[in-house]
Amino acid sequence: MANYMAITGLDYDNKRVEAGDIVSDLPSKSISWLVSQGLIVLADEVAKPQAQQKGKKTEEVIAEEKI
């Protein structure tokens, strides 16, 4: 099963996750509508941009944020 990051707090199966938590045990019937509503994203999608920026110099990252 894939890992998802919660964008907002979620309650499911007597559990609570907060924004930023990575989970892999979401009910499969709920994943598509949670994604379409923007409440969760694939954790891999979040990790890729962060990994790309780690290779850049600090000045380059700051310059990009100002754009």
PDB file of N, CA and C in Angstrom:
ATOM      1  N   MET A   1       0.841  -1.186   0.000  1.00  0.00           N
ATOM      2  CA  MET A   1       0.000   0.000   0.000  1.00  0.00           C
ATOM      3  C   MET A   1       0.886   1.249   0.000  1.00  0.00           C
ATOM      4  N   ALA A   2       0.455   2.272  -0.654  1.00  0.00           N
ATOM      5  CA  ALA A   2       1.215   3.512  -0.794  1.00  0.00           C
ATOM      6  C   ALA A   2       1.172   4.338   0.496  1.00  0.00           C
ATOM      7  N   ASN A   3       2.151   5.222   0.624  1.00  0.00           N
ATOM      8  CA  ASN A   3       2.193   6.152   1.748  1.00  0.00           C
ATOM      9  C   ASN A   3       1.591   7.484   1.308  1.00  0.00           C
ATOM     10  N   TYR A   4       0.788   8.060   2.163  1.00  0.00           N
ATOM     11  CA  TYR A   4       0.156   9.348   1.893  1.00  0.00           C
ATOM     12  C   TYR A   4       0.469  10.316   3.015  1.00  0.00           C
ATOM     13  N   MET A   5       0.559  11.605   2.660  1.00  0.00           N
ATOM     14  CA  MET A   5       0.752  12.636   3.667  1.00  0.00           C
ATOM     15  C   MET A   5      -0.565  13.380   3.853  1.00  0.00           C
ATOM     16  N   ALA A   6      -0.971  13.519   5.095  1.00  0.00           N
ATOM     17  CA  ALA A   6      -2.192  14.261   5.415  1.00  0.00           C
ATOM     18  C   ALA A   6      -1.914  15.758   5.264  1.00  0.00           C
ATOM     19  N   ILE A   7      -2.788  16.451   4.561  1.00  0.00           N
ATOM     20  CA  ILE A   7      -2.683  17.902   4.388  1.00  0.00           C
ATOM     21  C   ILE A   7      -3.396  18.608   5.535  1.00  0.00           C
ATOM     22  N   THR A   8      -4.341  17.929   6.117  1.00  0.00           N
ATOM     23  CA  THR A   8      -5.107  18.442   7.245  1.00  0.00           C
ATOM     24  C   THR A   8      -5.310  17.307   8.238  1.00  0.00           C
ATOM     25  N   GLY A   9      -5.763  17.601   9.409  1.00  0.00           N
ATOM     26  CA  GLY A   9      -6.049  16.546  10.371  1.00  0.00           C
ATOM     27  C   GLY A   9      -7.176  15.650   9.873  1.00  0.00           C
ATOM     28  N   LEU A  10      -7.039  14.357  10.106  1.00  0.00           N
ATOM     29  CA  LEU A  10      -8.041  13.382   9.668  1.00  0.00           C
ATOM     30  C   LEU A  10      -8.319  12.391  10.783  1.00  0.00           C
ATOM     31  N   ASP A  11      -9.578  11.987  10.883  1.00  0.00           N
ATOM     32  CA  ASP A  11      -9.982  10.920  11.793  1.00  0.00           C
ATOM     33  C   ASP A  11     -10.470   9.750  10.955  1.00  0.00           C
ATOM     34  N   TYR A  12      -9.973   8.545  11.243  1.00  0.00           N
ATOM     35  CA  TYR A  12     -10.434   7.345  10.544  1.00  0.00           C
ATOM     36  C   TYR A  12     -10.126   6.121  11.390  1.00  0.00           C
ATOM     37  N   ASP A  13     -10.984   5.137  11.320  1.00  0.00           N
ATOM     38  CA  ASP A  13     -10.789   3.863  12.034  1.00  0.00           C
ATOM     39  C   ASP A  13     -10.305   4.063  13.473  1.00  0.00           C
ATOM     40  N   ASN A  14     -10.955   4.960  14.197  1.00  0.00           N
ATOM     41  CA  ASN A  14     -10.590   5.254  15.589  1.00  0.00           C
ATOM     42  C   ASN A  14      -9.154   5.740  15.734  1.00  0.00           C
ATOM     43  N   LYS A  15      -8.637   6.421  14.693  1.00  0.00           N
ATOM     44  CA  LYS A  15      -7.291   6.988  14.707  1.00  0.00           C
ATOM     45  C   LYS A  15      -7.381   8.467  14.363  1.00  0.00           C
ATOM     46  N   ARG A  16      -6.337   9.199  14.700  1.00  0.00           N
ATOM     47  CA  ARG A  16      -6.233  10.620  14.358  1.00  0.00           C
ATOM     48  C   ARG A  16      -4.841  10.874  13.803  1.00  0.00           C
ATOM     49  N   VAL A  17      -4.771  11.542  12.654  1.00  0.00           N
ATOM     50  CA  VAL A  17      -3.495  11.990  12.103  1.00  0.00           C
ATOM     51  C   VAL A  17      -3.576  13.497  11.928  1.00  0.00           C
ATOM     52  N   GLU A  18      -2.446  14.139  12.059  1.00  0.00           N
ATOM     53  CA  GLU A  18      -2.370  15.589  11.902  1.00  0.00           C
ATOM     54  C   GLU A  18      -1.708  15.942  10.581  1.00  0.00           C
ATOM     55  N   ALA A  19      -1.865  17.181  10.155  1.00  0.00           N
ATOM     56  CA  ALA A  19      -1.251  17.651   8.913  1.00  0.00           C
ATOM     57  C   ALA A  19       0.244  17.363   8.938  1.00  0.00           C
ATOM     58  N   GLY A  20       0.742  16.785   7.855  1.00  0.00           N
ATOM     59  CA  GLY A  20       2.150  16.457   7.742  1.00  0.00           C
ATOM     60  C   GLY A  20       2.480  15.021   8.110  1.00  0.00           C
ATOM     61  N   ASP A  21       1.559  14.329   8.771  1.00  0.00           N
ATOM     62  CA  ASP A  21       1.795  12.926   9.130  1.00  0.00           C
ATOM     63  C   ASP A  21       1.759  12.051   7.878  1.00  0.00           C
ATOM     64  N   ILE A  22       2.614  11.045   7.839  1.00  0.00           N
ATOM     65  CA  ILE A  22       2.640  10.074   6.749  1.00  0.00           C
ATOM     66  C   ILE A  22       1.924   8.818   7.223  1.00  0.00           C
ATOM     67  N   VAL A  23       0.967   8.358   6.434  1.00  0.00           N
ATOM     68  CA  VAL A  23       0.188   7.172   6.798  1.00  0.00           C
ATOM     69  C   VAL A  23       0.131   6.197   5.629  1.00  0.00           C
ATOM     70  N   SER A  24      -0.049   4.925   5.953  1.00  0.00           N
ATOM     71  CA  SER A  24      -0.162   3.908   4.912  1.00  0.00           C
ATOM     72  C   SER A  24      -1.367   3.007   5.137  1.00  0.00           C
ATOM     73  N   ASP A  25      -2.158   3.320   6.149  1.00  0.00           N
ATOM     74  CA  ASP A  25      -3.273   2.438   6.492  1.00  0.00           C
ATOM     75  C   ASP A  25      -4.645   3.083   6.313  1.00  0.00           C
ATOM     76  N   LEU A  26      -4.742   4.049   5.398  1.00  0.00           N
ATOM     77  CA  LEU A  26      -6.037   4.662   5.123  1.00  0.00           C
ATOM     78  C   LEU A  26      -6.971   3.638   4.482  1.00  0.00           C
ATOM     79  N   PRO A  27      -8.274   3.742   4.748  1.00  0.00           N
ATOM     80  CA  PRO A  27      -9.208   2.828   4.092  1.00  0.00           C
ATOM     81  C   PRO A  27      -9.135   3.008   2.567  1.00  0.00           C
ATOM     82  N   SER A  28      -8.944   1.924   1.850  1.00  0.00           N
ATOM     83  CA  SER A  28      -8.750   2.000   0.396  1.00  0.00           C
ATOM     84  C   SER A  28      -9.931   2.649  -0.309  1.00  0.00           C
ATOM     85  N   LYS A  29     -11.137   2.482   0.216  1.00  0.00           N
ATOM     86  CA  LYS A  29     -12.313   3.077  -0.430  1.00  0.00           C
ATOM     87  C   LYS A  29     -12.348   4.597  -0.276  1.00  0.00           C
ATOM     88  N   SER A  30     -11.542   5.154   0.623  1.00  0.00           N
ATOM     89  CA  SER A  30     -11.547   6.595   0.877  1.00  0.00           C
ATOM     90  C   SER A  30     -10.436   7.347   0.154  1.00  0.00           C
ATOM     91  N   ILE A  31      -9.426   6.645  -0.319  1.00  0.00           N
ATOM     92  CA  ILE A  31      -8.239   7.307  -0.865  1.00  0.00           C
ATOM     93  C   ILE A  31      -8.571   8.212  -2.045  1.00  0.00           C
ATOM     94  N   SER A  32      -9.364   7.736  -2.997  1.00  0.00           N
ATOM     95  CA  SER A  32      -9.622   8.546  -4.196  1.00  0.00           C
ATOM     96  C   SER A  32     -10.321   9.861  -3.864  1.00  0.00           C
ATOM     97  N   TRP A  33     -11.299   9.840  -2.978  1.00  0.00           N
ATOM     98  CA  TRP A  33     -11.979  11.110  -2.685  1.00  0.00           C
ATOM     99  C   TRP A  33     -11.144  12.002  -1.773  1.00  0.00           C
ATOM    100  N   LEU A  34     -10.309  11.421  -0.908  1.00  0.00           N
ATOM    101  CA  LEU A  34      -9.415  12.240  -0.097  1.00  0.00           C
ATOM    102  C   LEU A  34      -8.393  12.968  -0.975  1.00  0.00           C
ATOM    103  N   VAL A  35      -7.884  12.271  -1.997  1.00  0.00           N
ATOM    104  CA  VAL A  35      -6.955  12.897  -2.942  1.00  0.00           C
ATOM    105  C   VAL A  35      -7.668  13.976  -3.742  1.00  0.00           C
ATOM    106  N   SER A  36      -8.849  13.667  -4.264  1.00  0.00           N
ATOM    107  CA  SER A  36      -9.562  14.640  -5.107  1.00  0.00           C
ATOM    108  C   SER A  36      -9.964  15.891  -4.330  1.00  0.00           C
ATOM    109  N   GLN A  37     -10.168  15.761  -3.027  1.00  0.00           N
ATOM    110  CA  GLN A  37     -10.510  16.914  -2.193  1.00  0.00           C
ATOM    111  C   GLN A  37      -9.276  17.655  -1.687  1.00  0.00           C
ATOM    112  N   GLY A  38      -8.080  17.117  -1.995  1.00  0.00           N
ATOM    113  CA  GLY A  38      -6.852  17.769  -1.574  1.00  0.00           C
ATOM    114  C   GLY A  38      -6.523  17.569  -0.105  1.00  0.00           C
ATOM    115  N   LEU A  39      -7.075  16.530   0.503  1.00  0.00           N
ATOM    116  CA  LEU A  39      -6.848  16.283   1.924  1.00  0.00           C
ATOM    117  C   LEU A  39      -5.625  15.410   2.186  1.00  0.00           C
ATOM    118  N   ILE A  40      -5.214  14.642   1.163  1.00  0.00           N
ATOM    119  CA  ILE A  40      -3.997  13.836   1.243  1.00  0.00           C
ATOM    120  C   ILE A  40      -3.274  13.917  -0.096  1.00  0.00           C
ATOM    121  N   VAL A  41      -1.974  13.666  -0.071  1.00  0.00           N
ATOM    122  CA  VAL A  41      -1.171  13.562  -1.300  1.00  0.00           C
ATOM    123  C   VAL A  41      -0.236  12.379  -1.132  1.00  0.00           C
ATOM    124  N   LEU A  42       0.193  11.815  -2.253  1.00  0.00           N
ATOM    125  CA  LEU A  42       1.181  10.744  -2.195  1.00  0.00           C
ATOM    126  C   LEU A  42       2.444  11.276  -1.533  1.00  0.00           C
ATOM    127  N   ALA A  43       2.972  10.558  -0.591  1.00  0.00           N
ATOM    128  CA  ALA A  43       4.176  11.008   0.118  1.00  0.00           C
ATOM    129  C   ALA A  43       5.351  11.139  -0.834  1.00  0.00           C
ATOM    130  N   ASP A  44       5.412  10.305  -1.876  1.00  0.00           N
ATOM    131  CA  ASP A  44       6.489  10.396  -2.866  1.00  0.00           C
ATOM    132  C   ASP A  44       6.473  11.731  -3.587  1.00  0.00           C
ATOM    133  N   GLU A  45       5.291  12.288  -3.842  1.00  0.00           N
ATOM    134  CA  GLU A  45       5.179  13.574  -4.531  1.00  0.00           C
ATOM    135  C   GLU A  45       5.748  14.700  -3.673  1.00  0.00           C
ATOM    136  N   VAL A  46       5.660  14.559  -2.381  1.00  0.00           N
ATOM    137  CA  VAL A  46       6.159  15.578  -1.463  1.00  0.00           C
ATOM    138  C   VAL A  46       7.674  15.447  -1.327  1.00  0.00           C
ATOM    139  N   ALA A  47       8.176  14.230  -1.299  1.00  0.00           N
ATOM    140  CA  ALA A  47       9.596  13.990  -1.081  1.00  0.00           C
ATOM    141  C   ALA A  47      10.450  14.406  -2.273  1.00  0.00           C
ATOM    142  N   LYS A  48       9.949  14.294  -3.500  1.00  0.00           N
ATOM    143  CA  LYS A  48      10.740  14.611  -4.686  1.00  0.00           C
ATOM    144  C   LYS A  48      11.205  16.062  -4.722  1.00  0.00           C
ATOM    145  N   PRO A  49      10.320  17.052  -4.550  1.00  0.00           N
ATOM    146  CA  PRO A  49      10.802  18.444  -4.576  1.00  0.00           C
ATOM    147  C   PRO A  49      11.807  18.746  -3.471  1.00  0.00           C
ATOM    148  N   GLN A  50      11.620  18.176  -2.299  1.00  0.00           N
ATOM    149  CA  GLN A  50      12.547  18.415  -1.202  1.00  0.00           C
ATOM    150  C   GLN A  50      13.907  17.812  -1.520  1.00  0.00           C
ATOM    151  N   ALA A  51      13.923  16.635  -2.114  1.00  0.00           N
ATOM    152  CA  ALA A  51      15.190  15.982  -2.467  1.00  0.00           C
ATOM    153  C   ALA A  51      15.914  16.771  -3.546  1.00  0.00           C
ATOM    154  N   GLN A  52      15.171  17.349  -4.482  1.00  0.00           N
ATOM    155  CA  GLN A  52      15.788  18.146  -5.544  1.00  0.00           C
ATOM    156  C   GLN A  52      16.437  19.394  -4.965  1.00  0.00           C
ATOM    157  N   GLN A  53      15.813  20.013  -3.981  1.00  0.00           N
ATOM    158  CA  GLN A  53      16.360  21.237  -3.406  1.00  0.00           C
ATOM    159  C   GLN A  53      17.558  20.972  -2.519  1.00  0.00           C
ATOM    160  N   LYS A  54      17.691  19.770  -1.969  1.00  0.00           N
ATOM    161  CA  LYS A  54      18.830  19.472  -1.107  1.00  0.00           C
ATOM    162  C   LYS A  54      20.149  19.585  -1.860  1.00  0.00           C
ATOM    163  N   GLY A  55      20.134  19.337  -3.163  1.00  0.00           N
ATOM    164  CA  GLY A  55      21.351  19.404  -3.953  1.00  0.00           C
ATOM    165  C   GLY A  55      21.740  20.816  -4.347  1.00  0.00           C
ATOM    166  N   LYS A  56      20.878  21.794  -4.114  1.00  0.00           N
ATOM    167  CA  LYS A  56      21.146  23.175  -4.506  1.00  0.00           C
ATOM    168  C   LYS A  56      21.825  23.932  -3.373  1.00  0.00           C
ATOM    169  N   LYS A  57      22.541  24.947  -3.753  1.00  0.00           N
ATOM    170  CA  LYS A  57      23.151  25.830  -2.761  1.00  0.00           C
ATOM    171  C   LYS A  57      22.057  26.663  -2.101  1.00  0.00           C
ATOM    172  N   THR A  58      22.268  27.072  -0.887  1.00  0.00           N
ATOM    173  CA  THR A  58      21.283  27.849  -0.143  1.00  0.00           C
ATOM    174  C   THR A  58      20.858  29.098  -0.907  1.00  0.00           C
ATOM    175  N   GLU A  59      21.813  29.779  -1.551  1.00  0.00           N
ATOM    176  CA  GLU A  59      21.494  31.004  -2.281  1.00  0.00           C
ATOM    177  C   GLU A  59      20.537  30.731  -3.431  1.00  0.00           C
ATOM    178  N   GLU A  60      20.682  29.587  -4.094  1.00  0.00           N
ATOM    179  CA  GLU A  60      19.807  29.249  -5.213  1.00  0.00           C
ATOM    180  C   GLU A  60      18.377  29.025  -4.726  1.00  0.00           C
ATOM    181  N   VAL A  61      18.232  28.337  -3.602  1.00  0.00           N
ATOM    182  CA  VAL A  61      16.894  28.073  -3.054  1.00  0.00           C
ATOM    183  C   VAL A  61      16.245  29.389  -2.649  1.00  0.00           C
ATOM    184  N   ILE A  62      16.962  30.274  -1.987  1.00  0.00           N
ATOM    185  CA  ILE A  62      16.406  31.557  -1.571  1.00  0.00           C
ATOM    186  C   ILE A  62      16.014  32.382  -2.779  1.00  0.00           C
ATOM    187  N   ALA A  63      16.827  32.394  -3.817  1.00  0.00           N
ATOM    188  CA  ALA A  63      16.513  33.141  -5.045  1.00  0.00           C
ATOM    189  C   ALA A  63      15.242  32.608  -5.672  1.00  0.00           C
ATOM    190  N   GLU A  64      15.052  31.299  -5.689  1.00  0.00           N
ATOM    191  CA  GLU A  64      13.846  30.716  -6.279  1.00  0.00           C
ATOM    192  C   GLU A  64      12.611  31.092  -5.477  1.00  0.00           C
ATOM    193  N   GLU A  65      12.722  31.154  -4.154  1.00  0.00           N
ATOM    194  CA  GLU A  65      11.588  31.501  -3.319  1.00  0.00           C
ATOM    195  C   GLU A  65      11.157  32.949  -3.526  1.00  0.00           C
ATOM    196  N   LYS A  66      12.082  33.835  -3.899  1.00  0.00           N
ATOM    197  CA  LYS A  66      11.762  35.240  -4.115  1.00  0.00           C
ATOM    198  C   LYS A  66      11.032  35.460  -5.432  1.00  0.00           C
ATOM    199  N   ILE A  67      11.177  34.530  -6.357  1.00  0.00           N
ATOM    200  CA  ILE A  67      10.569  34.688  -7.689  1.00  0.00           C
ATOM    201  C   ILE A  67       9.075  34.541  -7.598  1.00  0.00           C
TER     202      ILE A  67
END
